[in-house]
């Protein structure tokens, strides 16, 4: 498992340096995750990959930068593996094909769990702020 992660880091860093490739990876990961979710084939895998996709997308858009570079590299490594058609075990083999994806993503998540937690807290704070925003300035009180 460690060998797969290490081998993917160089590729991940190259993708991170090319905005077009990073956007394509994000789109592919969203598409594959959506397909798996709608098919309910591997709900655990899609549940685990979604925060990674959102974090990388927020990083790429420069919306969220409170994350170590190594975390982004590891996240992109996992996403590359997730969308790669050249898995160690082919995904068309029922369950076993996704087992290697799940194992690698689980290993990455374990290594960056604190950063994922920080990101999801940031997302929640952002959502809470949007819900509680004071819009009274946009619509002045009606004159009596």
N, C-alpha and C. Protein backbone atom coordinates (compact mmCIF):
# COMPACT_ATOMS: atom_id res chain seq x y z
N UNK A 1 0.82 -1.19 0.00
CA UNK A 1 0.00 0.00 0.00
C UNK A 1 0.87 1.26 0.00
N UNK A 2 1.88 1.27 0.85
CA UNK A 2 2.77 2.43 0.94
C UNK A 2 3.47 2.66 -0.40
N UNK A 3 3.82 1.59 -1.08
CA UNK A 3 4.50 1.72 -2.38
C UNK A 3 3.59 2.40 -3.40
N UNK A 4 2.30 2.06 -3.41
CA UNK A 4 1.36 2.68 -4.35
C UNK A 4 1.23 4.18 -4.06
N UNK A 5 1.16 4.52 -2.78
CA UNK A 5 1.04 5.93 -2.39
C UNK A 5 2.29 6.70 -2.81
N UNK A 6 3.46 6.15 -2.51
CA UNK A 6 4.72 6.82 -2.86
C UNK A 6 4.85 6.98 -4.37
N UNK A 7 4.47 5.94 -5.11
CA UNK A 7 4.57 6.01 -6.57
C UNK A 7 3.66 7.08 -7.15
N UNK A 8 2.52 7.30 -6.52
CA UNK A 8 1.57 8.28 -7.03
C UNK A 8 1.89 9.72 -6.68
N UNK A 9 2.76 9.95 -5.71
CA UNK A 9 3.05 11.33 -5.27
C UNK A 9 3.65 12.19 -6.38
N UNK A 10 4.59 11.65 -7.13
CA UNK A 10 5.20 12.42 -8.22
C UNK A 10 4.17 12.80 -9.27
N UNK A 11 3.33 11.87 -9.61
CA UNK A 11 2.27 12.14 -10.59
C UNK A 11 1.32 13.20 -10.04
N UNK A 12 0.99 13.09 -8.75
CA UNK A 12 0.09 14.06 -8.12
C UNK A 12 0.68 15.46 -8.16
N UNK A 13 1.97 15.58 -7.88
CA UNK A 13 2.61 16.90 -7.90
C UNK A 13 2.60 17.50 -9.30
N UNK A 14 2.77 16.67 -10.32
CA UNK A 14 2.70 17.16 -11.70
C UNK A 14 1.29 17.65 -12.04
N UNK A 15 0.30 16.91 -11.59
CA UNK A 15 -1.10 17.32 -11.82
C UNK A 15 -1.38 18.64 -11.12
N UNK A 16 -0.89 18.78 -9.90
CA UNK A 16 -1.13 20.00 -9.13
C UNK A 16 -0.50 21.24 -9.78
N UNK A 17 0.55 21.04 -10.56
CA UNK A 17 1.22 22.16 -11.22
C UNK A 17 0.55 22.55 -12.54
N UNK A 18 -0.44 21.77 -12.96
CA UNK A 18 -1.13 22.02 -14.22
C UNK A 18 -2.62 22.19 -13.94
N UNK A 19 -3.10 23.44 -13.84
CA UNK A 19 -4.50 23.67 -13.47
C UNK A 19 -5.52 22.92 -14.31
N UNK A 20 -5.29 22.82 -15.60
CA UNK A 20 -6.23 22.10 -16.47
C UNK A 20 -6.33 20.63 -16.11
N UNK A 21 -5.20 20.02 -15.82
CA UNK A 21 -5.20 18.60 -15.44
C UNK A 21 -5.86 18.40 -14.09
N UNK A 22 -5.63 19.34 -13.17
CA UNK A 22 -6.25 19.25 -11.85
C UNK A 22 -7.77 19.37 -11.97
N UNK A 23 -8.25 20.31 -12.78
CA UNK A 23 -9.69 20.46 -12.97
C UNK A 23 -10.30 19.21 -13.61
N UNK A 24 -9.58 18.62 -14.55
CA UNK A 24 -10.06 17.39 -15.20
C UNK A 24 -10.13 16.25 -14.18
N UNK A 25 -9.13 16.15 -13.31
CA UNK A 25 -9.13 15.12 -12.27
C UNK A 25 -10.32 15.32 -11.33
N UNK A 26 -10.56 16.55 -10.91
CA UNK A 26 -11.68 16.84 -10.01
C UNK A 26 -12.99 16.44 -10.68
N UNK A 27 -13.17 16.81 -11.94
CA UNK A 27 -14.39 16.46 -12.67
C UNK A 27 -14.55 14.95 -12.79
N UNK A 28 -13.46 14.25 -13.08
CA UNK A 28 -13.52 12.78 -13.19
C UNK A 28 -13.87 12.14 -11.85
N UNK A 29 -13.29 12.65 -10.77
CA UNK A 29 -13.58 12.10 -9.44
C UNK A 29 -15.03 12.34 -9.05
N UNK A 30 -15.54 13.54 -9.36
CA UNK A 30 -16.95 13.84 -9.07
C UNK A 30 -17.85 12.92 -9.88
N UNK A 31 -17.54 12.74 -11.14
CA UNK A 31 -18.34 11.88 -12.02
C UNK A 31 -18.34 10.44 -11.53
N UNK A 32 -17.17 9.92 -11.22
CA UNK A 32 -17.08 8.53 -10.77
C UNK A 32 -17.77 8.36 -9.42
N UNK A 33 -17.58 9.31 -8.53
CA UNK A 33 -18.22 9.25 -7.22
C UNK A 33 -19.74 9.29 -7.36
N UNK A 34 -20.24 10.15 -8.24
CA UNK A 34 -21.69 10.24 -8.48
C UNK A 34 -22.23 8.95 -9.06
N UNK A 35 -21.50 8.37 -10.00
CA UNK A 35 -21.93 7.11 -10.60
C UNK A 35 -21.99 6.00 -9.56
N UNK A 36 -20.99 5.94 -8.70
CA UNK A 36 -20.99 4.91 -7.66
C UNK A 36 -22.09 5.15 -6.64
N UNK A 37 -22.34 6.42 -6.31
CA UNK A 37 -23.39 6.74 -5.35
C UNK A 37 -24.75 6.36 -5.90
N UNK A 38 -25.01 6.73 -7.15
CA UNK A 38 -26.32 6.44 -7.73
C UNK A 38 -26.53 4.94 -7.93
N UNK A 39 -25.46 4.22 -8.15
CA UNK A 39 -25.57 2.77 -8.31
C UNK A 39 -25.55 2.06 -6.96
N UNK A 40 -25.24 2.80 -5.90
CA UNK A 40 -25.14 2.24 -4.54
C UNK A 40 -24.23 1.02 -4.50
N UNK A 41 -23.18 1.05 -5.30
CA UNK A 41 -22.28 -0.10 -5.36
C UNK A 41 -21.32 -0.13 -4.18
N UNK A 42 -20.78 1.01 -3.87
CA UNK A 42 -19.79 1.06 -2.80
C UNK A 42 -20.01 2.36 -2.01
N UNK A 43 -21.05 2.41 -1.19
CA UNK A 43 -21.35 3.66 -0.49
C UNK A 43 -20.24 4.12 0.44
N UNK A 44 -19.52 3.19 1.03
CA UNK A 44 -18.43 3.57 1.94
C UNK A 44 -17.33 4.30 1.18
N UNK A 45 -16.99 3.81 0.01
CA UNK A 45 -15.95 4.45 -0.80
C UNK A 45 -16.37 5.86 -1.20
N UNK A 46 -17.60 6.02 -1.67
CA UNK A 46 -18.03 7.35 -2.09
C UNK A 46 -18.14 8.30 -0.90
N UNK A 47 -18.55 7.80 0.24
CA UNK A 47 -18.64 8.64 1.44
C UNK A 47 -17.25 9.14 1.84
N UNK A 48 -16.26 8.31 1.67
CA UNK A 48 -14.89 8.69 2.04
C UNK A 48 -14.23 9.60 1.00
N UNK A 49 -14.56 9.43 -0.25
CA UNK A 49 -13.89 10.20 -1.30
C UNK A 49 -14.45 11.62 -1.40
N UNK A 50 -15.71 11.81 -1.05
CA UNK A 50 -16.34 13.12 -1.24
C UNK A 50 -15.62 14.27 -0.53
N UNK A 51 -15.23 14.13 0.75
CA UNK A 51 -14.50 15.25 1.37
C UNK A 51 -13.15 15.53 0.69
N UNK A 52 -12.50 14.48 0.20
CA UNK A 52 -11.24 14.69 -0.53
C UNK A 52 -11.47 15.53 -1.77
N UNK A 53 -12.50 15.18 -2.53
CA UNK A 53 -12.80 15.91 -3.76
C UNK A 53 -13.12 17.37 -3.43
N UNK A 54 -13.97 17.58 -2.43
CA UNK A 54 -14.35 18.95 -2.06
C UNK A 54 -13.14 19.76 -1.59
N UNK A 55 -12.26 19.13 -0.82
CA UNK A 55 -11.08 19.84 -0.32
C UNK A 55 -10.14 20.22 -1.47
N UNK A 56 -9.88 19.30 -2.37
CA UNK A 56 -9.00 19.59 -3.50
C UNK A 56 -9.63 20.66 -4.39
N UNK A 57 -10.94 20.57 -4.60
CA UNK A 57 -11.63 21.57 -5.42
C UNK A 57 -11.53 22.95 -4.77
N UNK A 58 -11.74 23.03 -3.46
CA UNK A 58 -11.64 24.31 -2.75
C UNK A 58 -10.21 24.83 -2.76
N UNK A 59 -9.25 23.93 -2.68
CA UNK A 59 -7.84 24.33 -2.76
C UNK A 59 -7.54 24.89 -4.15
N UNK A 60 -7.99 24.18 -5.17
CA UNK A 60 -7.72 24.59 -6.56
C UNK A 60 -8.34 25.95 -6.87
N UNK A 61 -9.49 26.23 -6.28
CA UNK A 61 -10.15 27.52 -6.52
C UNK A 61 -9.62 28.62 -5.60
N UNK A 62 -8.64 28.27 -4.78
CA UNK A 62 -8.01 29.20 -3.82
C UNK A 62 -8.99 29.68 -2.76
N UNK A 63 -10.05 28.93 -2.58
CA UNK A 63 -11.04 29.27 -1.57
C UNK A 63 -10.60 28.79 -0.19
N UNK A 64 -9.90 27.65 -0.17
CA UNK A 64 -9.44 27.07 1.09
C UNK A 64 -7.96 26.73 0.95
N UNK A 65 -7.12 27.42 1.71
CA UNK A 65 -5.68 27.20 1.64
C UNK A 65 -5.07 26.85 2.99
N UNK A 66 -5.91 26.60 3.99
CA UNK A 66 -5.42 26.28 5.34
C UNK A 66 -5.12 24.78 5.44
N UNK A 67 -4.31 24.31 4.52
CA UNK A 67 -4.02 22.88 4.47
C UNK A 67 -2.57 22.70 4.03
N UNK A 68 -1.84 21.78 4.66
CA UNK A 68 -0.45 21.55 4.25
C UNK A 68 -0.37 21.02 2.81
N UNK A 69 0.70 21.39 2.14
CA UNK A 69 0.94 20.93 0.77
C UNK A 69 0.93 19.40 0.70
N UNK A 70 1.55 18.73 1.68
CA UNK A 70 1.60 17.27 1.67
C UNK A 70 0.21 16.66 1.70
N UNK A 71 -0.72 17.30 2.40
CA UNK A 71 -2.10 16.81 2.45
C UNK A 71 -2.74 16.89 1.08
N UNK A 72 -2.50 17.98 0.38
CA UNK A 72 -3.06 18.12 -0.97
C UNK A 72 -2.43 17.09 -1.90
N UNK A 73 -1.13 16.89 -1.80
CA UNK A 73 -0.46 15.88 -2.63
C UNK A 73 -1.05 14.50 -2.36
N UNK A 74 -1.22 14.16 -1.09
CA UNK A 74 -1.78 12.85 -0.74
C UNK A 74 -3.22 12.72 -1.24
N UNK A 75 -3.99 13.79 -1.13
CA UNK A 75 -5.38 13.77 -1.60
C UNK A 75 -5.45 13.57 -3.11
N UNK A 76 -4.60 14.28 -3.85
CA UNK A 76 -4.57 14.12 -5.30
C UNK A 76 -4.08 12.73 -5.68
N UNK A 77 -3.13 12.20 -4.94
CA UNK A 77 -2.68 10.82 -5.17
C UNK A 77 -3.85 9.86 -5.06
N UNK A 78 -4.65 10.01 -4.01
CA UNK A 78 -5.82 9.13 -3.82
C UNK A 78 -6.83 9.32 -4.94
N UNK A 79 -7.06 10.57 -5.36
CA UNK A 79 -8.02 10.81 -6.44
C UNK A 79 -7.53 10.23 -7.76
N UNK A 80 -6.23 10.35 -8.03
CA UNK A 80 -5.69 9.75 -9.25
C UNK A 80 -5.91 8.24 -9.24
N UNK A 81 -5.66 7.63 -8.12
CA UNK A 81 -5.87 6.19 -8.00
C UNK A 81 -7.34 5.84 -8.15
N UNK A 82 -8.21 6.67 -7.59
CA UNK A 82 -9.66 6.46 -7.64
C UNK A 82 -10.18 6.49 -9.07
N UNK A 83 -9.68 7.40 -9.89
CA UNK A 83 -10.19 7.53 -11.26
C UNK A 83 -9.40 6.71 -12.27
N UNK A 84 -8.24 6.18 -11.87
CA UNK A 84 -7.37 5.45 -12.78
C UNK A 84 -7.99 4.13 -13.21
N UNK A 85 -8.00 3.87 -14.52
CA UNK A 85 -8.51 2.58 -14.99
C UNK A 85 -7.51 1.44 -14.82
N UNK A 86 -6.31 1.75 -14.34
CA UNK A 86 -5.28 0.72 -14.22
C UNK A 86 -5.05 0.34 -12.76
N UNK A 87 -6.12 0.01 -12.06
CA UNK A 87 -6.01 -0.41 -10.67
C UNK A 87 -5.27 -1.73 -10.57
N UNK A 88 -4.78 -2.01 -9.39
CA UNK A 88 -4.13 -3.30 -9.14
C UNK A 88 -5.14 -4.43 -9.32
N UNK A 89 -6.36 -4.19 -8.92
CA UNK A 89 -7.44 -5.18 -9.09
C UNK A 89 -8.51 -4.49 -9.92
N UNK A 90 -8.87 -5.06 -11.04
CA UNK A 90 -9.83 -4.42 -11.93
C UNK A 90 -11.17 -4.19 -11.24
N UNK A 91 -11.76 -2.99 -11.47
CA UNK A 91 -13.00 -2.62 -10.81
C UNK A 91 -14.21 -3.40 -11.33
N UNK A 92 -14.08 -4.08 -12.46
CA UNK A 92 -15.22 -4.84 -12.94
C UNK A 92 -15.39 -6.15 -12.18
N UNK A 93 -14.43 -6.53 -11.36
CA UNK A 93 -14.57 -7.71 -10.51
C UNK A 93 -15.39 -7.28 -9.31
N UNK A 94 -16.60 -7.85 -9.13
CA UNK A 94 -17.48 -7.39 -8.06
C UNK A 94 -16.76 -7.32 -6.71
N UNK A 95 -16.96 -6.24 -6.02
CA UNK A 95 -16.40 -5.87 -4.73
C UNK A 95 -14.88 -5.84 -4.70
N UNK A 96 -14.21 -6.89 -5.14
CA UNK A 96 -12.75 -6.91 -5.07
C UNK A 96 -12.12 -5.77 -5.85
N UNK A 97 -12.75 -5.40 -6.95
CA UNK A 97 -12.23 -4.31 -7.76
C UNK A 97 -12.18 -2.98 -7.04
N UNK A 98 -13.10 -2.79 -6.11
CA UNK A 98 -13.13 -1.55 -5.34
C UNK A 98 -12.37 -1.68 -4.03
N UNK A 99 -12.00 -2.88 -3.66
CA UNK A 99 -11.31 -3.09 -2.39
C UNK A 99 -9.96 -2.38 -2.37
N UNK A 100 -9.23 -2.42 -3.49
CA UNK A 100 -7.94 -1.73 -3.51
C UNK A 100 -8.12 -0.22 -3.47
N UNK A 101 -9.16 0.29 -4.16
CA UNK A 101 -9.46 1.73 -4.08
C UNK A 101 -9.76 2.12 -2.64
N UNK A 102 -10.62 1.36 -2.00
CA UNK A 102 -11.03 1.65 -0.63
C UNK A 102 -9.85 1.58 0.33
N UNK A 103 -8.99 0.59 0.15
CA UNK A 103 -7.83 0.44 1.04
C UNK A 103 -6.88 1.64 0.90
N UNK A 104 -6.60 2.05 -0.33
CA UNK A 104 -5.69 3.18 -0.52
C UNK A 104 -6.32 4.47 0.00
N UNK A 105 -7.57 4.71 -0.31
CA UNK A 105 -8.23 5.93 0.14
C UNK A 105 -8.33 5.94 1.66
N UNK A 106 -8.61 4.80 2.26
CA UNK A 106 -8.67 4.71 3.72
C UNK A 106 -7.30 5.01 4.33
N UNK A 107 -6.24 4.50 3.72
CA UNK A 107 -4.89 4.78 4.22
C UNK A 107 -4.56 6.27 4.12
N UNK A 108 -4.91 6.88 2.99
CA UNK A 108 -4.67 8.32 2.83
C UNK A 108 -5.48 9.09 3.86
N UNK A 109 -6.76 8.75 4.01
CA UNK A 109 -7.60 9.45 4.98
C UNK A 109 -7.06 9.33 6.39
N UNK A 110 -6.56 8.17 6.74
CA UNK A 110 -6.00 7.98 8.08
C UNK A 110 -4.80 8.90 8.29
N UNK A 111 -4.01 9.10 7.24
CA UNK A 111 -2.81 9.93 7.39
C UNK A 111 -3.12 11.42 7.39
N UNK A 112 -4.27 11.82 6.87
CA UNK A 112 -4.61 13.25 6.81
C UNK A 112 -5.93 13.55 7.53
N UNK A 113 -6.33 12.69 8.41
CA UNK A 113 -7.63 12.81 9.07
C UNK A 113 -7.84 14.17 9.74
N UNK A 114 -6.83 14.67 10.42
CA UNK A 114 -6.96 15.97 11.09
C UNK A 114 -7.22 17.10 10.10
N UNK A 115 -6.56 17.04 8.95
CA UNK A 115 -6.75 18.08 7.93
C UNK A 115 -8.14 17.98 7.30
N UNK A 116 -8.63 16.77 7.11
CA UNK A 116 -10.00 16.58 6.59
C UNK A 116 -11.00 17.13 7.60
N UNK A 117 -10.79 16.84 8.89
CA UNK A 117 -11.68 17.37 9.93
C UNK A 117 -11.68 18.89 9.93
N UNK A 118 -10.50 19.49 9.81
CA UNK A 118 -10.41 20.96 9.76
C UNK A 118 -11.16 21.51 8.55
N UNK A 119 -11.02 20.84 7.42
CA UNK A 119 -11.72 21.28 6.21
C UNK A 119 -13.23 21.18 6.38
N UNK A 120 -13.72 20.07 6.89
CA UNK A 120 -15.17 19.92 7.04
C UNK A 120 -15.72 20.90 8.07
N UNK A 121 -14.94 21.21 9.12
CA UNK A 121 -15.36 22.26 10.07
C UNK A 121 -15.44 23.61 9.37
N UNK A 122 -14.45 23.91 8.53
CA UNK A 122 -14.45 25.15 7.76
C UNK A 122 -15.69 25.22 6.86
N UNK A 123 -16.00 24.11 6.19
CA UNK A 123 -17.20 24.07 5.35
C UNK A 123 -18.45 24.36 6.17
N UNK A 124 -18.54 23.73 7.34
CA UNK A 124 -19.71 23.92 8.19
C UNK A 124 -19.81 25.36 8.68
N UNK A 125 -18.69 25.94 9.09
CA UNK A 125 -18.68 27.34 9.53
C UNK A 125 -19.10 28.27 8.40
N UNK A 126 -18.64 27.97 7.21
CA UNK A 126 -19.01 28.78 6.05
C UNK A 126 -20.51 28.68 5.78
N UNK A 127 -21.04 27.46 5.86
CA UNK A 127 -22.48 27.26 5.65
C UNK A 127 -23.29 27.95 6.74
N UNK A 128 -22.84 27.83 7.99
CA UNK A 128 -23.53 28.48 9.11
C UNK A 128 -23.52 30.00 8.94
N UNK A 129 -22.40 30.54 8.51
CA UNK A 129 -22.30 31.99 8.32
C UNK A 129 -23.25 32.46 7.22
N UNK A 130 -23.40 31.67 6.18
CA UNK A 130 -24.31 32.03 5.09
C UNK A 130 -25.76 32.01 5.58
N UNK A 131 -26.08 31.06 6.44
CA UNK A 131 -27.45 30.94 6.97
C UNK A 131 -27.79 32.07 7.92
N UNK A 132 -26.81 32.54 8.68
CA UNK A 132 -27.08 33.55 9.71
C UNK A 132 -26.71 34.96 9.28
N UNK A 133 -26.36 35.14 8.03
CA UNK A 133 -25.97 36.47 7.55
C UNK A 133 -27.12 37.45 7.74
N UNK A 134 -26.78 38.68 8.06
CA UNK A 134 -27.76 39.74 8.27
C UNK A 134 -27.97 40.46 6.93
N UNK A 135 -29.12 40.23 6.35
CA UNK A 135 -29.42 40.84 5.06
C UNK A 135 -30.28 42.09 5.20
N UNK A 136 -30.45 42.59 6.41
CA UNK A 136 -31.30 43.76 6.63
C UNK A 136 -30.78 44.98 5.89
N UNK A 137 -29.47 45.05 5.68
CA UNK A 137 -28.91 46.19 4.96
C UNK A 137 -29.35 46.21 3.50
N UNK A 138 -29.69 45.06 2.96
CA UNK A 138 -30.11 44.99 1.56
C UNK A 138 -31.52 45.54 1.37
N UNK A 139 -32.34 45.39 2.38
CA UNK A 139 -33.73 45.84 2.32
C UNK A 139 -34.00 46.73 3.53
N UNK A 140 -33.92 48.04 3.34
CA UNK A 140 -34.15 48.93 4.47
C UNK A 140 -35.56 48.75 5.02
N UNK A 141 -35.74 49.00 6.30
CA UNK A 141 -37.07 48.85 6.90
C UNK A 141 -38.06 49.79 6.21
N UNK A 142 -39.27 49.29 6.10
CA UNK A 142 -40.32 50.09 5.46
C UNK A 142 -40.67 51.28 6.34
N UNK A 143 -40.94 52.40 5.69
CA UNK A 143 -41.32 53.61 6.42
C UNK A 143 -42.74 53.45 6.94
N UNK A 144 -42.95 53.93 8.12
CA UNK A 144 -44.30 53.82 8.71
C UNK A 144 -45.10 55.04 8.46
